[in-house]
Amino acid sequence: MAITNSVPKPQLSYAISYGLVSGPGHGRQFRKLLDAAGYVQSQAMASADILIAHSAGCWMLPAGLAPKLVFLVGPALNEPSATNWAHANLENIKAFTGNHHVLKGTKLISFNIFYALLQPKRSRAIIRQAKHADLQSFSNSQVIFIANRKDPWPHPAGLESYIQDKPWAFMSLPGSHENIWEMPDRYVAIINHHAKQLLAQANS
């Protein structure tokens, strides 16, 4: 998908909520593309117009947030068993090698190790919450739920309840759990589409 550089004024701000053993290093290219498209990074999630959450970051969000747009990418909904961890890692490795992203995959794994060592308290908090975590409703926000086809984490039986009960948009995209970091242009194009619609409605 082509990315346009003409985001309607006023500029929208964004914030990113990263998942387990993840952080700004993973999202560097993603942020560069968002900045180039005219968005402004917010220093606080509470003041962001657009909230982008990945993996466990989808249910580690502070309560009371009311952004205009919410993008939940690969929410970690499955039971965090050793089998699921192994399956997720295997699918990620297949995606890296199958798409000739071996070097990029190695870089992402290096970031994972770095953040595991850098923020052990946050990682423990995520693991403790994993078995009873739930997604916020965001009743006053437009929510887009994105699941990748080779990502086992957002595909439990419980996903059906979200589809039935939530007035959200649900999207299926190619790739593994880390696809947002591998192919960030695809996600920025989706954000552009929804952001422009939102601003058009506000200006009508």
Protein backbone atom coordinates (compact mmCIF):
# COMPACT_ATOMS: atom_id res chain seq x y z
CA MET A 1 0.00 0.00 0.00
CA ALA A 2 1.25 3.45 -0.84
CA ILE A 3 1.53 5.95 1.97
CA THR A 4 0.40 9.48 1.35
CA ASN A 5 2.12 12.36 3.08
CA SER A 6 -0.94 14.60 3.20
CA VAL A 7 -2.73 14.10 6.51
CA PRO A 8 -5.48 16.74 6.92
CA LYS A 9 -4.94 19.47 9.50
CA PRO A 10 -5.07 19.73 12.42
CA GLN A 11 -2.32 17.21 13.05
CA LEU A 12 -3.25 14.16 15.07
CA SER A 13 -1.03 12.92 17.86
CA TYR A 14 -0.26 9.25 18.53
CA ALA A 15 1.10 7.01 21.27
CA ILE A 16 2.26 3.38 21.17
CA SER A 17 1.77 0.71 23.82
CA TYR A 18 4.36 -2.05 23.34
CA GLY A 19 3.98 -5.69 24.31
CA LEU A 20 6.07 -8.12 26.33
CA VAL A 21 9.85 -7.60 25.95
CA SER A 22 9.18 -4.90 23.37
CA GLY A 23 9.86 -1.19 23.20
CA PRO A 24 10.72 1.83 21.05
CA GLY A 25 13.51 -0.02 19.28
CA HIS A 26 10.96 -2.27 17.59
CA GLY A 27 8.83 0.68 16.46
CA ARG A 28 11.57 2.98 15.15
CA GLN A 29 10.71 2.61 11.46
CA PHE A 30 6.99 2.65 12.26
CA ARG A 31 7.36 5.98 14.08
CA LYS A 32 9.46 7.43 11.27
CA LEU A 33 6.69 6.64 8.79
CA LEU A 34 4.03 8.11 11.07
CA ASP A 35 6.08 11.27 11.55
CA ALA A 36 6.65 11.56 7.79
CA ALA A 37 2.90 11.21 7.24
CA GLY A 38 2.25 14.24 9.44
CA TYR A 39 1.41 12.72 12.82
CA VAL A 40 2.97 13.96 16.06
CA GLN A 41 4.15 11.61 18.78
CA SER A 42 2.51 12.31 22.13
CA GLN A 43 4.53 12.10 25.32
CA ALA A 44 1.51 10.79 27.23
CA MET A 45 -1.09 8.20 26.23
CA ALA A 46 -3.82 10.22 27.93
CA SER A 47 -3.40 13.09 25.46
CA ALA A 48 -2.97 11.05 22.26
CA ASP A 49 -5.59 11.25 19.50
CA ILE A 50 -4.51 7.86 18.12
CA LEU A 51 -3.52 4.93 20.31
CA ILE A 52 -1.63 2.00 18.76
CA ALA A 53 -1.25 -1.05 20.99
CA HIS A 54 0.53 -4.28 20.12
CA SER A 55 0.33 -7.74 21.70
CA ALA A 56 0.17 -7.59 25.52
CA GLY A 57 0.31 -3.82 25.21
CA CYS A 58 -3.35 -4.03 24.20
CA TRP A 59 -4.39 -4.89 27.75
CA MET A 60 -1.65 -2.99 29.61
CA LEU A 61 -3.29 0.36 28.83
CA PRO A 62 -4.11 2.78 31.67
CA ALA A 63 -7.79 3.04 32.54
CA GLY A 64 -9.78 6.06 31.45
CA LEU A 65 -8.13 6.69 28.07
CA ALA A 66 -10.40 8.26 25.45
CA PRO A 67 -8.49 8.61 22.16
CA LYS A 68 -10.27 9.27 18.88
CA LEU A 69 -8.85 6.13 17.26
CA VAL A 70 -7.57 2.88 18.79
CA PHE A 71 -5.63 0.23 16.87
CA LEU A 72 -5.34 -3.10 18.69
CA VAL A 73 -2.73 -5.10 16.76
CA GLY A 74 -2.28 -8.78 17.60
CA PRO A 75 -3.80 -8.68 21.11
CA ALA A 76 -2.37 -11.49 23.23
CA LEU A 77 -5.63 -13.28 24.04
CA ASN A 78 -4.50 -16.90 24.15
CA GLU A 79 -3.60 -18.70 27.36
CA PRO A 80 0.16 -18.03 27.86
CA SER A 81 1.24 -21.67 27.94
CA ALA A 82 4.66 -23.00 26.94
CA THR A 83 3.02 -24.62 23.90
CA ASN A 84 1.58 -21.31 22.72
CA TRP A 85 4.87 -19.51 23.25
CA ALA A 86 6.70 -22.15 21.22
CA HIS A 87 4.08 -22.06 18.46
CA ALA A 88 4.20 -18.25 18.26
CA ASN A 89 7.99 -18.22 18.04
CA LEU A 90 7.97 -20.93 15.36
CA GLU A 91 5.47 -18.98 13.25
CA ASN A 92 7.57 -15.84 13.59
CA ILE A 93 10.72 -17.68 12.48
CA LYS A 94 8.87 -19.13 9.48
CA ALA A 95 7.64 -15.66 8.50
CA PHE A 96 11.13 -14.17 8.77
CA THR A 97 12.78 -16.87 6.66
CA GLY A 98 9.89 -17.30 4.20
CA ASN A 99 9.87 -13.60 3.39
CA HIS A 100 13.67 -13.27 3.32
CA HIS A 101 13.58 -11.21 6.51
CA VAL A 102 16.28 -13.19 8.33
CA LEU A 103 18.36 -10.11 9.17
CA LYS A 104 15.30 -8.13 10.19
CA GLY A 105 14.10 -11.05 12.29
CA THR A 106 17.47 -11.31 14.01
CA LYS A 107 17.31 -7.59 14.79
CA LEU A 108 13.82 -7.92 16.30
CA ILE A 109 14.93 -10.85 18.48
CA SER A 110 17.93 -8.81 19.65
CA PHE A 111 15.55 -6.03 20.70
CA ASN A 112 13.44 -8.62 22.58
CA ILE A 113 16.48 -9.71 24.59
CA PHE A 114 17.43 -6.09 25.27
CA TYR A 115 13.98 -5.16 26.61
CA ALA A 116 13.72 -8.36 28.64
CA LEU A 117 16.88 -7.27 30.47
CA LEU A 118 15.95 -3.57 30.57
CA GLN A 119 12.44 -3.82 32.03
CA PRO A 120 12.07 -7.04 34.05
CA LYS A 121 9.40 -5.57 36.38
CA ARG A 122 7.14 -4.70 33.45
CA SER A 123 7.65 -8.15 31.94
CA ARG A 124 6.71 -9.83 35.23
CA ALA A 125 3.60 -7.63 35.53
CA ILE A 126 2.50 -8.64 32.02
CA ILE A 127 3.01 -12.34 32.73
CA ARG A 128 1.09 -12.09 36.03
CA GLN A 129 -1.87 -10.41 34.32
CA ALA A 130 -1.91 -12.65 31.26
CA LYS A 131 -4.35 -15.30 32.52
CA HIS A 132 -7.10 -12.83 33.40
CA ALA A 133 -6.39 -9.93 31.06
CA ASP A 134 -9.19 -8.29 29.10
CA LEU A 135 -9.46 -5.54 26.51
CA GLN A 136 -10.99 -2.18 27.36
CA SER A 137 -14.24 -1.24 25.68
CA PHE A 138 -13.28 2.28 24.52
CA SER A 139 -16.97 3.10 24.16
CA ASN A 140 -16.29 6.63 22.84
CA SER A 141 -13.49 5.69 20.45
CA GLN A 142 -13.34 4.12 17.01
CA VAL A 143 -11.54 0.79 17.50
CA ILE A 144 -9.82 -1.30 14.82
CA PHE A 145 -8.81 -4.83 15.84
CA ILE A 146 -6.07 -6.28 13.60
CA ALA A 147 -5.09 -9.97 13.63
CA ASN A 148 -2.34 -11.46 11.49
CA ARG A 149 -3.04 -14.82 9.86
CA LYS A 150 0.15 -16.50 11.12
CA ASP A 151 -0.19 -15.07 14.61
CA PRO A 152 -1.67 -17.56 17.12
CA TRP A 153 -2.16 -15.02 19.93
CA PRO A 154 -5.35 -13.17 18.87
CA HIS A 155 -7.20 -16.28 17.70
CA PRO A 156 -8.68 -18.02 20.77
CA ALA A 157 -12.30 -19.07 21.00
CA GLY A 158 -12.93 -15.93 23.05
CA LEU A 159 -12.29 -13.73 20.02
CA GLU A 160 -15.78 -14.62 18.81
CA SER A 161 -17.27 -12.86 21.83
CA TYR A 162 -15.46 -9.64 20.90
CA ILE A 163 -16.73 -9.91 17.32
CA GLN A 164 -20.30 -10.42 18.53
CA ASP A 165 -20.33 -7.86 21.35
CA LYS A 166 -18.04 -4.99 20.35
CA PRO A 167 -18.90 -2.33 17.74
CA TRP A 168 -15.34 -2.52 16.42
CA ALA A 169 -13.84 -3.02 12.98
CA PHE A 170 -12.03 -6.37 12.70
CA MET A 171 -9.27 -6.87 10.12
CA SER A 172 -7.18 -9.87 9.06
CA LEU A 173 -3.74 -9.21 7.55
CA PRO A 174 -0.89 -11.44 6.33
CA GLY A 175 2.16 -12.07 8.45
CA SER A 176 3.27 -13.11 11.91
CA HIS A 177 2.87 -11.59 15.35
CA GLU A 178 5.66 -9.07 14.65
CA ASN A 179 4.35 -8.01 11.24
CA ILE A 180 3.67 -4.44 12.37
CA TRP A 181 7.42 -4.02 12.91
CA GLU A 182 8.38 -5.96 9.77
CA MET A 183 5.97 -4.17 7.39
CA PRO A 184 5.12 -0.88 9.13
CA ASP A 185 4.07 0.87 5.90
CA ARG A 186 1.03 -1.42 5.69
CA TYR A 187 -0.20 -0.30 9.12
CA VAL A 188 0.52 3.38 8.56
CA ALA A 189 -1.60 3.22 5.40
CA ILE A 190 -4.49 1.79 7.46
CA ILE A 191 -4.05 4.49 10.09
CA ASN A 192 -4.05 7.15 7.36
CA HIS A 193 -7.30 5.81 5.94
CA HIS A 194 -9.17 5.87 9.24
CA ALA A 195 -7.63 9.15 10.43
CA LYS A 196 -8.68 10.97 7.27
CA GLN A 197 -12.21 9.61 7.60
CA LEU A 198 -12.33 10.78 11.21
CA LEU A 199 -11.14 14.28 10.36
CA ALA A 200 -13.52 14.52 7.42
CA GLN A 201 -16.42 13.69 9.72
CA ALA A 202 -15.24 16.29 12.27
CA ASN A 203 -15.03 18.97 9.59
CA SER A 204 -18.40 18.16 7.95
